[in-house]
Amino acid sequence: RCTPVWANRRFVEADLRIVVGDIEPHQFQGFSGGVKTAIGLAGKA
């Protein structure tokens, strides 16, 4: 919607892409968890 998406090539090319995290209140995302963890595999932009 508002973000250019750059991602880790190894993750993108993997046969299975699983992210792990926790769900808790988050100051501007509303809540953490879910696919938000994938940001940890994103590019700086």
PDB file of all heavy atoms in Angstrom:
ATOM      1  N   ARG A   1       0.825  -1.214   0.000  1.00  0.00           N
ATOM      2  CA  ARG A   1       0.000   0.000   0.000  1.00  0.00           C
ATOM      3  C   ARG A   1       0.858   1.262   0.000  1.00  0.00           C
ATOM      4  O   ARG A   1       0.632   2.164  -0.779  1.00  0.00           O
ATOM      5  CB  ARG A   1      -0.905   0.028   1.223  1.00  0.00           C
ATOM      6  CG  ARG A   1      -1.964  -1.034   1.196  1.00  0.00           C
ATOM      7  CD  ARG A   1      -2.744  -1.055   2.479  1.00  0.00           C
ATOM      8  NE  ARG A   1      -3.749  -2.087   2.399  1.00  0.00           N
ATOM      9  CZ  ARG A   1      -4.950  -1.964   2.881  1.00  0.00           C
ATOM     10  NH1 ARG A   1      -5.310  -0.869   3.486  1.00  0.00           N
ATOM     11  NH2 ARG A   1      -5.814  -2.943   2.769  1.00  0.00           N
ATOM     12  N   CYS A   2       1.819   1.323   0.905  1.00  0.00           N
ATOM     13  CA  CYS A   2       2.650   2.529   1.044  1.00  0.00           C
ATOM     14  C   CYS A   2       4.135   2.227   1.084  1.00  0.00           C
ATOM     15  O   CYS A   2       4.931   3.120   1.335  1.00  0.00           O
ATOM     16  CB  CYS A   2       2.249   3.280   2.308  1.00  0.00           C
ATOM     17  SG  CYS A   2       0.527   3.772   2.338  1.00  0.00           S
ATOM     18  N   THR A   3       4.531   1.003   0.867  1.00  0.00           N
ATOM     19  CA  THR A   3       5.900   0.587   1.121  1.00  0.00           C
ATOM     20  C   THR A   3       6.487  -0.198  -0.042  1.00  0.00           C
ATOM     21  O   THR A   3       5.876  -1.165  -0.499  1.00  0.00           O
ATOM     22  CB  THR A   3       5.936  -0.296   2.399  1.00  0.00           C
ATOM     23  OG1 THR A   3       5.406   0.454   3.486  1.00  0.00           O
ATOM     24  CG2 THR A   3       7.330  -0.761   2.725  1.00  0.00           C
ATOM     25  N   PRO A   4       7.693   0.185  -0.504  1.00  0.00           N
ATOM     26  CA  PRO A   4       8.385  -0.660  -1.490  1.00  0.00           C
ATOM     27  C   PRO A   4       8.852  -1.931  -0.771  1.00  0.00           C
ATOM     28  O   PRO A   4       9.342  -1.859   0.354  1.00  0.00           O
ATOM     29  CB  PRO A   4       9.576   0.201  -1.915  1.00  0.00           C
ATOM     30  CG  PRO A   4       9.832   1.099  -0.752  1.00  0.00           C
ATOM     31  CD  PRO A   4       8.490   1.348  -0.102  1.00  0.00           C
ATOM     32  N   VAL A   5       8.658  -3.068  -1.393  1.00  0.00           N
ATOM     33  CA  VAL A   5       8.967  -4.329  -0.715  1.00  0.00           C
ATOM     34  C   VAL A   5      10.229  -4.958  -1.291  1.00  0.00           C
ATOM     35  O   VAL A   5      10.250  -5.447  -2.421  1.00  0.00           O
ATOM     36  CB  VAL A   5       7.782  -5.317  -0.799  1.00  0.00           C
ATOM     37  CG1 VAL A   5       8.115  -6.613  -0.058  1.00  0.00           C
ATOM     38  CG2 VAL A   5       6.522  -4.680  -0.236  1.00  0.00           C
ATOM     39  N   TRP A   6      11.283  -4.907  -0.480  1.00  0.00           N
ATOM     40  CA  TRP A   6      12.549  -5.578  -0.761  1.00  0.00           C
ATOM     41  C   TRP A   6      12.687  -6.672   0.274  1.00  0.00           C
ATOM     42  O   TRP A   6      12.511  -6.429   1.469  1.00  0.00           O
ATOM     43  CB  TRP A   6      13.719  -4.603  -0.647  1.00  0.00           C
ATOM     44  CG  TRP A   6      13.740  -3.605  -1.753  1.00  0.00           C
ATOM     45  CD1 TRP A   6      13.117  -2.392  -1.793  1.00  0.00           C
ATOM     46  CD2 TRP A   6      14.418  -3.750  -3.003  1.00  0.00           C
ATOM     47  NE1 TRP A   6      13.365  -1.767  -2.985  1.00  0.00           N
ATOM     48  CE2 TRP A   6      14.165  -2.571  -3.749  1.00  0.00           C
ATOM     49  CE3 TRP A   6      15.222  -4.744  -3.558  1.00  0.00           C
ATOM     50  CZ2 TRP A   6      14.681  -2.381  -5.023  1.00  0.00           C
ATOM     51  CZ3 TRP A   6      15.736  -4.550  -4.827  1.00  0.00           C
ATOM     52  CH2 TRP A   6      15.471  -3.381  -5.551  1.00  0.00           C
ATOM     53  N   ALA A   7      12.994  -7.896  -0.168  1.00  0.00           N
ATOM     54  CA  ALA A   7      13.039  -9.032   0.754  1.00  0.00           C
ATOM     55  C   ALA A   7      14.279  -9.884   0.524  1.00  0.00           C
ATOM     56  O   ALA A   7      14.862  -9.880  -0.564  1.00  0.00           O
ATOM     57  CB  ALA A   7      11.788  -9.885   0.577  1.00  0.00           C
ATOM     58  N   ASN A   8      14.634 -10.618   1.551  1.00  0.00           N
ATOM     59  CA  ASN A   8      15.769 -11.524   1.512  1.00  0.00           C
ATOM     60  C   ASN A   8      15.552 -12.572   0.426  1.00  0.00           C
ATOM     61  O   ASN A   8      14.551 -13.291   0.434  1.00  0.00           O
ATOM     62  CB  ASN A   8      15.932 -12.188   2.879  1.00  0.00           C
ATOM     63  CG  ASN A   8      17.068 -13.155   2.922  1.00  0.00           C
ATOM     64  OD1 ASN A   8      16.964 -14.267   2.422  1.00  0.00           O
ATOM     65  ND2 ASN A   8      18.160 -12.740   3.537  1.00  0.00           N
ATOM     66  N   ARG A   9      16.490 -12.635  -0.511  1.00  0.00           N
ATOM     67  CA  ARG A   9      16.376 -13.548  -1.651  1.00  0.00           C
ATOM     68  C   ARG A   9      16.255 -15.008  -1.204  1.00  0.00           C
ATOM     69  O   ARG A   9      15.438 -15.768  -1.734  1.00  0.00           O
ATOM     70  CB  ARG A   9      17.597 -13.385  -2.561  1.00  0.00           C
ATOM     71  CG  ARG A   9      17.559 -14.225  -3.821  1.00  0.00           C
ATOM     72  CD  ARG A   9      18.788 -14.007  -4.690  1.00  0.00           C
ATOM     73  NE  ARG A   9      19.029 -12.605  -4.991  1.00  0.00           N
ATOM     74  CZ  ARG A   9      18.410 -11.925  -5.961  1.00  0.00           C
ATOM     75  NH1 ARG A   9      17.511 -12.536  -6.707  1.00  0.00           N
ATOM     76  NH2 ARG A   9      18.694 -10.659  -6.178  1.00  0.00           N
ATOM     77  N   ARG A  10      17.026 -15.396  -0.222  1.00  0.00           N
ATOM     78  CA  ARG A  10      16.997 -16.785   0.246  1.00  0.00           C
ATOM     79  C   ARG A  10      15.608 -17.147   0.789  1.00  0.00           C
ATOM     80  O   ARG A  10      15.097 -18.235   0.558  1.00  0.00           O
ATOM     81  CB  ARG A  10      18.078 -16.973   1.310  1.00  0.00           C
ATOM     82  CG  ARG A  10      18.324 -18.379   1.707  1.00  0.00           C
ATOM     83  CD  ARG A  10      19.535 -18.454   2.612  1.00  0.00           C
ATOM     84  NE  ARG A  10      19.868 -19.835   2.860  1.00  0.00           N
ATOM     85  CZ  ARG A  10      21.014 -20.244   3.304  1.00  0.00           C
ATOM     86  NH1 ARG A  10      21.977 -19.369   3.548  1.00  0.00           N
ATOM     87  NH2 ARG A  10      21.244 -21.508   3.517  1.00  0.00           N
ATOM     88  N   PHE A  11      14.994 -16.217   1.529  1.00  0.00           N
ATOM     89  CA  PHE A  11      13.649 -16.443   2.060  1.00  0.00           C
ATOM     90  C   PHE A  11      12.636 -16.536   0.921  1.00  0.00           C
ATOM     91  O   PHE A  11      11.823 -17.454   0.868  1.00  0.00           O
ATOM     92  CB  PHE A  11      13.273 -15.307   3.017  1.00  0.00           C
ATOM     93  CG  PHE A  11      11.894 -15.441   3.603  1.00  0.00           C
ATOM     94  CD1 PHE A  11      11.647 -16.333   4.632  1.00  0.00           C
ATOM     95  CD2 PHE A  11      10.841 -14.675   3.126  1.00  0.00           C
ATOM     96  CE1 PHE A  11      10.373 -16.463   5.179  1.00  0.00           C
ATOM     97  CE2 PHE A  11       9.568 -14.796   3.665  1.00  0.00           C
ATOM     98  CZ  PHE A  11       9.338 -15.689   4.693  1.00  0.00           C
ATOM     99  N   VAL A  12      12.694 -15.601  -0.014  1.00  0.00           N
ATOM    100  CA  VAL A  12      11.742 -15.561  -1.124  1.00  0.00           C
ATOM    101  C   VAL A  12      11.830 -16.828  -1.967  1.00  0.00           C
ATOM    102  O   VAL A  12      10.814 -17.348  -2.433  1.00  0.00           O
ATOM    103  CB  VAL A  12      11.976 -14.295  -1.987  1.00  0.00           C
ATOM    104  CG1 VAL A  12      11.178 -14.347  -3.280  1.00  0.00           C
ATOM    105  CG2 VAL A  12      11.630 -13.046  -1.193  1.00  0.00           C
ATOM    106  N   GLU A  13      13.036 -17.350  -2.161  1.00  0.00           N
ATOM    107  CA  GLU A  13      13.230 -18.521  -3.016  1.00  0.00           C
ATOM    108  C   GLU A  13      13.056 -19.852  -2.279  1.00  0.00           C
ATOM    109  O   GLU A  13      13.110 -20.916  -2.895  1.00  0.00           O
ATOM    110  CB  GLU A  13      14.618 -18.455  -3.660  1.00  0.00           C
ATOM    111  CG  GLU A  13      14.745 -17.297  -4.648  1.00  0.00           C
ATOM    112  CD  GLU A  13      16.145 -17.117  -5.205  1.00  0.00           C
ATOM    113  OE1 GLU A  13      17.085 -17.824  -4.739  1.00  0.00           O
ATOM    114  OE2 GLU A  13      16.305 -16.264  -6.103  1.00  0.00           O
ATOM    115  N   ALA A  14      12.807 -19.800  -0.973  1.00  0.00           N
ATOM    116  CA  ALA A  14      12.636 -21.027  -0.189  1.00  0.00           C
ATOM    117  C   ALA A  14      11.354 -21.754  -0.584  1.00  0.00           C
ATOM    118  O   ALA A  14      10.386 -21.144  -1.043  1.00  0.00           O
ATOM    119  CB  ALA A  14      12.604 -20.689   1.299  1.00  0.00           C
ATOM    120  N   ASP A  15      11.354 -23.078  -0.396  1.00  0.00           N
ATOM    121  CA  ASP A  15      10.167 -23.880  -0.686  1.00  0.00           C
ATOM    122  C   ASP A  15       9.067 -23.649   0.349  1.00  0.00           C
ATOM    123  O   ASP A  15       7.886 -23.786   0.050  1.00  0.00           O
ATOM    124  CB  ASP A  15      10.524 -25.371  -0.709  1.00  0.00           C
ATOM    125  CG  ASP A  15      11.434 -25.720  -1.872  1.00  0.00           C
ATOM    126  OD1 ASP A  15      11.340 -25.055  -2.922  1.00  0.00           O
ATOM    127  OD2 ASP A  15      12.240 -26.653  -1.711  1.00  0.00           O
ATOM    128  N   LEU A  16       9.454 -23.332   1.563  1.00  0.00           N
ATOM    129  CA  LEU A  16       8.501 -23.099   2.650  1.00  0.00           C
ATOM    130  C   LEU A  16       8.958 -21.881   3.433  1.00  0.00           C
ATOM    131  O   LEU A  16      10.097 -21.815   3.884  1.00  0.00           O
ATOM    132  CB  LEU A  16       8.440 -24.336   3.564  1.00  0.00           C
ATOM    133  CG  LEU A  16       7.466 -24.284   4.731  1.00  0.00           C
ATOM    134  CD1 LEU A  16       6.029 -24.152   4.230  1.00  0.00           C
ATOM    135  CD2 LEU A  16       7.613 -25.542   5.580  1.00  0.00           C
ATOM    136  N   ARG A  17       8.076 -20.909   3.601  1.00  0.00           N
ATOM    137  CA  ARG A  17       8.419 -19.644   4.268  1.00  0.00           C
ATOM    138  C   ARG A  17       7.595 -19.499   5.550  1.00  0.00           C
ATOM    139  O   ARG A  17       6.400 -19.186   5.491  1.00  0.00           O
ATOM    140  CB  ARG A  17       8.188 -18.475   3.306  1.00  0.00           C
ATOM    141  CG  ARG A  17       9.204 -18.449   2.160  1.00  0.00           C
ATOM    142  CD  ARG A  17       8.793 -17.523   1.044  1.00  0.00           C
ATOM    143  NE  ARG A  17       7.538 -17.898   0.432  1.00  0.00           N
ATOM    144  CZ  ARG A  17       7.404 -18.855  -0.500  1.00  0.00           C
ATOM    145  NH1 ARG A  17       8.446 -19.525  -0.919  1.00  0.00           N
ATOM    146  NH2 ARG A  17       6.222 -19.129  -0.998  1.00  0.00           N
ATOM    147  N   ILE A  18       8.240 -19.744   6.682  1.00  0.00           N
ATOM    148  CA  ILE A  18       7.582 -19.682   7.993  1.00  0.00           C
ATOM    149  C   ILE A  18       8.213 -18.550   8.793  1.00  0.00           C
ATOM    150  O   ILE A  18       9.431 -18.408   8.820  1.00  0.00           O
ATOM    151  CB  ILE A  18       7.754 -21.010   8.765  1.00  0.00           C
ATOM    152  CG1 ILE A  18       7.131 -22.154   7.972  1.00  0.00           C
ATOM    153  CG2 ILE A  18       7.133 -20.908  10.158  1.00  0.00           C
ATOM    154  CD1 ILE A  18       7.407 -23.528   8.558  1.00  0.00           C
ATOM    155  N   VAL A  19       7.380 -17.731   9.425  1.00  0.00           N
ATOM    156  CA  VAL A  19       7.867 -16.697  10.338  1.00  0.00           C
ATOM    157  C   VAL A  19       7.369 -17.035  11.738  1.00  0.00           C
ATOM    158  O   VAL A  19       6.304 -17.628  11.915  1.00  0.00           O
ATOM    159  CB  VAL A  19       7.421 -15.277   9.903  1.00  0.00           C
ATOM    160  CG1 VAL A  19       8.072 -14.896   8.576  1.00  0.00           C
ATOM    161  CG2 VAL A  19       5.911 -15.162   9.807  1.00  0.00           C
ATOM    162  N   VAL A  20       8.174 -16.676  12.729  1.00  0.00           N
ATOM    163  CA  VAL A  20       7.878 -17.017  14.125  1.00  0.00           C
ATOM    164  C   VAL A  20       7.937 -15.737  14.947  1.00  0.00           C
ATOM    165  O   VAL A  20       8.825 -14.904  14.755  1.00  0.00           O
ATOM    166  CB  VAL A  20       8.910 -18.039  14.654  1.00  0.00           C
ATOM    167  CG1 VAL A  20       8.658 -18.368  16.112  1.00  0.00           C
ATOM    168  CG2 VAL A  20       8.896 -19.298  13.805  1.00  0.00           C
ATOM    169  N   GLY A  21       7.020 -15.583  15.860  1.00  0.00           N
ATOM    170  CA  GLY A  21       7.026 -14.394  16.714  1.00  0.00           C
ATOM    171  C   GLY A  21       6.026 -14.509  17.839  1.00  0.00           C
ATOM    172  O   GLY A  21       5.638 -15.604  18.226  1.00  0.00           O
ATOM    173  N   ASP A  22       5.597 -13.362  18.334  1.00  0.00           N
ATOM    174  CA  ASP A  22       4.577 -13.336  19.375  1.00  0.00           C
ATOM    175  C   ASP A  22       3.566 -12.250  19.062  1.00  0.00           C
ATOM    176  O   ASP A  22       3.824 -11.360  18.259  1.00  0.00           O
ATOM    177  CB  ASP A  22       5.195 -13.132  20.760  1.00  0.00           C
ATOM    178  CG  ASP A  22       5.806 -11.758  20.941  1.00  0.00           C
ATOM    179  OD1 ASP A  22       6.216 -11.135  19.949  1.00  0.00           O
ATOM    180  OD2 ASP A  22       5.872 -11.289  22.088  1.00  0.00           O
ATOM    181  N   ILE A  23       2.407 -12.369  19.674  1.00  0.00           N
ATOM    182  CA  ILE A  23       1.362 -11.374  19.481  1.00  0.00           C
ATOM    183  C   ILE A  23       1.208 -10.610  20.790  1.00  0.00           C
ATOM    184  O   ILE A  23       0.970 -11.204  21.842  1.00  0.00           O
ATOM    185  CB  ILE A  23       0.023 -12.019  19.091  1.00  0.00           C
ATOM    186  CG1 ILE A  23       0.183 -12.849  17.817  1.00  0.00           C
ATOM    187  CG2 ILE A  23      -1.046 -10.941  18.894  1.00  0.00           C
ATOM    188  CD1 ILE A  23      -1.046 -13.662  17.460  1.00  0.00           C
ATOM    189  N   GLU A  24       1.381  -9.295  20.694  1.00  0.00           N
ATOM    190  CA  GLU A  24       1.202  -8.418  21.842  1.00  0.00           C
ATOM    191  C   GLU A  24       0.830  -7.038  21.311  1.00  0.00           C
ATOM    192  O   GLU A  24       0.994  -6.767  20.119  1.00  0.00           O
ATOM    193  CB  GLU A  24       2.478  -8.341  22.674  1.00  0.00           C
ATOM    194  CG  GLU A  24       3.652  -7.722  21.946  1.00  0.00           C
ATOM    195  CD  GLU A  24       4.910  -7.646  22.799  1.00  0.00           C
ATOM    196  OE1 GLU A  24       4.910  -8.130  23.933  1.00  0.00           O
ATOM    197  OE2 GLU A  24       5.894  -7.083  22.310  1.00  0.00           O
ATOM    198  N   PRO A  25       0.304  -6.180  22.155  1.00  0.00           N
ATOM    199  CA  PRO A  25       0.009  -4.826  21.698  1.00  0.00           C
ATOM    200  C   PRO A  25       1.275  -4.157  21.154  1.00  0.00           C
ATOM    201  O   PRO A  25       2.362  -4.331  21.701  1.00  0.00           O
ATOM    202  CB  PRO A  25      -0.483  -4.122  22.966  1.00  0.00           C
ATOM    203  CG  PRO A  25      -0.995  -5.229  23.821  1.00  0.00           C
ATOM    204  CD  PRO A  25      -0.095  -6.390  23.548  1.00  0.00           C
ATOM    205  N   HIS A  26       1.122  -3.422  20.064  1.00  0.00           N
ATOM    206  CA  HIS A  26       2.249  -2.733  19.437  1.00  0.00           C
ATOM    207  C   HIS A  26       1.889  -1.265  19.280  1.00  0.00           C
ATOM    208  O   HIS A  26       0.777  -0.930  18.870  1.00  0.00           O
ATOM    209  CB  HIS A  26       2.537  -3.351  18.070  1.00  0.00           C
ATOM    210  CG  HIS A  26       3.768  -2.817  17.406  1.00  0.00           C
ATOM    211  ND1 HIS A  26       3.773  -1.629  16.709  1.00  0.00           N
ATOM    212  CD2 HIS A  26       5.033  -3.299  17.351  1.00  0.00           C
ATOM    213  CE1 HIS A  26       4.989  -1.409  16.242  1.00  0.00           C
ATOM    214  NE2 HIS A  26       5.779  -2.396  16.606  1.00  0.00           N
ATOM    215  N   GLN A  27       2.842  -0.390  19.571  1.00  0.00           N
ATOM    216  CA  GLN A  27       2.570   1.039  19.677  1.00  0.00           C
ATOM    217  C   GLN A  27       2.008   1.694  18.425  1.00  0.00           C
ATOM    218  O   GLN A  27       1.271   2.654  18.507  1.00  0.00           O
ATOM    219  CB  GLN A  27       3.787   1.799  20.206  1.00  0.00           C
ATOM    220  CG  GLN A  27       4.994   1.781  19.304  1.00  0.00           C
ATOM    221  CD  GLN A  27       5.910   0.603  19.523  1.00  0.00           C
ATOM    222  OE1 GLN A  27       5.482  -0.483  19.897  1.00  0.00           O
ATOM    223  NE2 GLN A  27       7.185   0.789  19.280  1.00  0.00           N
ATOM    224  N   PHE A  28       2.322   1.223  17.222  1.00  0.00           N
ATOM    225  CA  PHE A  28       1.707   1.827  16.034  1.00  0.00           C
ATOM    226  C   PHE A  28       1.190   0.801  15.032  1.00  0.00           C
ATOM    227  O   PHE A  28       0.459   1.148  14.120  1.00  0.00           O
ATOM    228  CB  PHE A  28       2.644   2.839  15.338  1.00  0.00           C
ATOM    229  CG  PHE A  28       3.946   2.274  14.868  1.00  0.00           C
ATOM    230  CD1 PHE A  28       4.048   1.660  13.642  1.00  0.00           C
ATOM    231  CD2 PHE A  28       5.084   2.393  15.654  1.00  0.00           C
ATOM    232  CE1 PHE A  28       5.263   1.146  13.203  1.00  0.00           C
ATOM    233  CE2 PHE A  28       6.299   1.889  15.216  1.00  0.00           C
ATOM    234  CZ  PHE A  28       6.392   1.262  13.991  1.00  0.00           C
ATOM    235  N   GLN A  29       1.512  -0.484  15.210  1.00  0.00           N
ATOM    236  CA  GLN A  29       0.964  -1.535  14.344  1.00  0.00           C
ATOM    237  C   GLN A  29      -0.353  -2.075  14.900  1.00  0.00           C
ATOM    238  O   GLN A  29      -0.986  -2.906  14.274  1.00  0.00           O
ATOM    239  CB  GLN A  29       1.955  -2.700  14.231  1.00  0.00           C
ATOM    240  CG  GLN A  29       3.190  -2.410  13.447  1.00  0.00           C
ATOM    241  CD  GLN A  29       2.967  -2.416  11.962  1.00  0.00           C
ATOM    242  OE1 GLN A  29       2.036  -3.026  11.456  1.00  0.00           O
ATOM    243  NE2 GLN A  29       3.807  -1.714  11.256  1.00  0.00           N
ATOM    244  N   GLY A  30      -0.723  -1.642  16.082  1.00  0.00           N
ATOM    245  CA  GLY A  30      -1.908  -2.181  16.740  1.00  0.00           C
ATOM    246  C   GLY A  30      -1.525  -3.402  17.548  1.00  0.00           C
ATOM    247  O   GLY A  30      -1.672  -3.430  18.768  1.00  0.00           O
ATOM    248  N   PHE A  31      -1.017  -4.409  16.857  1.00  0.00           N
ATOM    249  CA  PHE A  31      -0.532  -5.640  17.485  1.00  0.00           C
ATOM    250  C   PHE A  31       0.655  -6.162  16.681  1.00  0.00           C
ATOM    251  O   PHE A  31       0.713  -5.994  15.467  1.00  0.00           O
ATOM    252  CB  PHE A  31      -1.627  -6.717  17.505  1.00  0.00           C
ATOM    253  CG  PHE A  31      -2.734  -6.405  18.464  1.00  0.00           C
ATOM    254  CD1 PHE A  31      -3.810  -5.646  18.048  1.00  0.00           C
ATOM    255  CD2 PHE A  31      -2.688  -6.840  19.770  1.00  0.00           C
ATOM    256  CE1 PHE A  31      -4.830  -5.322  18.927  1.00  0.00           C
ATOM    257  CE2 PHE A  31      -3.695  -6.522  20.657  1.00  0.00           C
ATOM    258  CZ  PHE A  31      -4.776  -5.755  20.236  1.00  0.00           C
ATOM    259  N   SER A  32       1.577  -6.804  17.370  1.00  0.00           N
ATOM    260  CA  SER A  32       2.691  -7.456  16.693  1.00  0.00           C
ATOM    261  C   SER A  32       2.223  -8.823  16.213  1.00  0.00           C
ATOM    262  O   SER A  32       1.071  -9.191  16.371  1.00  0.00           O
ATOM    263  CB  SER A  32       3.878  -7.594  17.654  1.00  0.00           C
ATOM    264  OG  SER A  32       3.523  -8.470  18.717  1.00  0.00           O
ATOM    265  N   GLY A  33       3.149  -9.585  15.656  1.00  0.00           N
ATOM    266  CA  GLY A  33       2.856 -10.954  15.260  1.00  0.00           C
ATOM    267  C   GLY A  33       2.322 -11.076  13.843  1.00  0.00           C
ATOM    268  O   GLY A  33       2.262 -10.113  13.081  1.00  0.00           O
ATOM    269  N   GLY A  34       1.936 -12.298  13.504  1.00  0.00           N
ATOM    270  CA  GLY A  34       1.478 -12.583  12.143  1.00  0.00           C
ATOM    271  C   GLY A  34       2.600 -12.332  11.157  1.00  0.00           C
ATOM    272  O   GLY A  34       3.776 -12.550  11.453  1.00  0.00           O
ATOM    273  N   VAL A  35       2.244 -11.827   9.994  1.00  0.00           N
ATOM    274  CA  VAL A  35       3.243 -11.601   8.951  1.00  0.00           C
ATOM    275  C   VAL A  35       4.150 -10.418   9.260  1.00  0.00           C
ATOM    276  O   VAL A  35       5.136 -10.200   8.548  1.00  0.00           O
ATOM    277  CB  VAL A  35       2.590 -11.425   7.569  1.00  0.00           C
ATOM    278  CG1 VAL A  35       1.877 -12.702   7.149  1.00  0.00           C
ATOM    279  CG2 VAL A  35       1.637 -10.244   7.541  1.00  0.00           C
ATOM    280  N   LYS A  36       3.865  -9.649  10.325  1.00  0.00           N
ATOM    281  CA  LYS A  36       4.733  -8.523  10.687  1.00  0.00           C
ATOM    282  C   LYS A  36       6.169  -8.998  10.904  1.00  0.00           C
ATOM    283  O   LYS A  36       7.122  -8.281  10.619  1.00  0.00           O
ATOM    284  CB  LYS A  36       4.219  -7.811  11.934  1.00  0.00           C
ATOM    285  CG  LYS A  36       5.104  -6.650  12.343  1.00  0.00           C
ATOM    286  CD  LYS A  36       4.644  -6.056  13.674  1.00  0.00           C
ATOM    287  CE  LYS A  36       5.576  -4.959  14.129  1.00  0.00           C
ATOM    288  NZ  LYS A  36       6.958  -5.386  14.307  1.00  0.00           N
ATOM    289  N   THR A  37       6.339 -10.218  11.377  1.00  0.00           N
ATOM    290  CA  THR A  37       7.666 -10.765  11.624  1.00  0.00           C
ATOM    291  C   THR A  37       8.502 -10.810  10.351  1.00  0.00           C
ATOM    292  O   THR A  37       9.724 -10.741  10.401  1.00  0.00           O
ATOM    293  CB  THR A  37       7.552 -12.178  12.232  1.00  0.00           C
ATOM    294  OG1 THR A  37       6.627 -12.132  13.316  1.00  0.00           O
ATOM    295  CG2 THR A  37       8.877 -12.678  12.741  1.00  0.00           C
ATOM    296  N   ALA A  38       7.855 -10.895   9.194  1.00  0.00           N
ATOM    297  CA  ALA A  38       8.582 -10.944   7.918  1.00  0.00           C
ATOM    298  C   ALA A  38       9.374  -9.663   7.670  1.00  0.00           C
ATOM    299  O   ALA A  38      10.340  -9.675   6.899  1.00  0.00           O
ATOM    300  CB  ALA A  38       7.614 -11.203   6.768  1.00  0.00           C
ATOM    301  N   ILE A  39       9.014  -8.570   8.327  1.00  0.00           N
ATOM    302  CA  ILE A  39       9.773  -7.320   8.183  1.00  0.00           C
ATOM    303  C   ILE A  39      11.239  -7.556   8.582  1.00  0.00           C
ATOM    304  O   ILE A  39      12.140  -6.891   8.074  1.00  0.00           O
ATOM    305  CB  ILE A  39       9.151  -6.195   9.038  1.00  0.00           C
ATOM    306  CG1 ILE A  39       7.774  -5.815   8.488  1.00  0.00           C
ATOM    307  CG2 ILE A  39      10.043  -4.981   9.124  1.00  0.00           C
ATOM    308  CD1 ILE A  39       7.786  -5.023   7.216  1.00  0.00           C
ATOM    309  N   GLY A  40      11.477  -8.499   9.465  1.00  0.00           N
ATOM    310  CA  GLY A  40      12.840  -8.832   9.864  1.00  0.00           C
ATOM    311  C   GLY A  40      13.667  -9.415   8.729  1.00  0.00           C
ATOM    312  O   GLY A  40      14.883  -9.566   8.852  1.00  0.00           O
ATOM    313  N   LEU A  41      13.024  -9.763   7.626  1.00  0.00           N
ATOM    314  CA  LEU A  41      13.712 -10.295   6.446  1.00  0.00           C
ATOM    315  C   LEU A  41      13.624  -9.337   5.271  1.00  0.00           C
ATOM    316  O   LEU A  41      13.815  -9.713   4.126  1.00  0.00           O
ATOM    317  CB  LEU A  41      13.094 -11.643   6.056  1.00  0.00           C
ATOM    318  CG  LEU A  41      13.330 -12.746   7.071  1.00  0.00           C
ATOM    319  CD1 LEU A  41      12.343 -13.874   6.877  1.00  0.00           C
ATOM    320  CD2 LEU A  41      14.757 -13.242   6.984  1.00  0.00           C
ATOM    321  N   ALA A  42      13.332  -8.080   5.565  1.00  0.00           N
ATOM    322  CA  ALA A  42      13.147  -7.080   4.519  1.00  0.00           C
ATOM    323  C   ALA A  42      14.396  -6.227   4.350  1.00  0.00           C
ATOM    324  O   ALA A  42      15.296  -6.226   5.183  1.00  0.00           O
ATOM    325  CB  ALA A  42      11.952  -6.190   4.860  1.00  0.00           C
ATOM    326  N   GLY A  43      14.403  -5.476   3.250  1.00  0.00           N
ATOM    327  CA  GLY A  43      15.473  -4.526   3.000  1.00  0.00           C
ATOM    328  C   GLY A  43      15.232  -3.241   3.784  1.00  0.00           C
ATOM    329  O   GLY A  43      14.132  -2.980   4.278  1.00  0.00           O
ATOM    330  N   LYS A  44      16.275  -2.430   3.869  1.00  0.00           N
ATOM    331  CA  LYS A  44      16.211  -1.190   4.653  1.00  0.00           C
ATOM    332  C   LYS A  44      15.107  -0.253   4.160  1.00  0.00           C
ATOM    333  O   LYS A  44      14.423   0.388   4.966  1.00  0.00           O
ATOM    334  CB  LYS A  44      17.569  -0.490   4.596  1.00  0.00           C
ATOM    335  CG  LYS A  44      17.708   0.640   5.570  1.00  0.00           C
ATOM    336  CD  LYS A  44      19.129   1.163   5.610  1.00  0.00           C
ATOM    337  CE  LYS A  44      19.261   2.293   6.612  1.00  0.00           C
ATOM    338  NZ  LYS A  44      20.644   2.768   6.699  1.00  0.00           N
ATOM    339  N   ALA A  45      14.884  -0.167   2.850  1.00  0.00           N
ATOM    340  CA  ALA A  45      13.833   0.712   2.326  1.00  0.00           C
ATOM    341  C   ALA A  45      12.461   0.282   2.836  1.00  0.00           C
ATOM    342  O   ALA A  45      11.609   1.118   3.144  1.00  0.00           O
ATOM    343  CB  ALA A  45      13.852   0.708   0.796  1.00  0.00           C
TER     344      ALA A  45
END
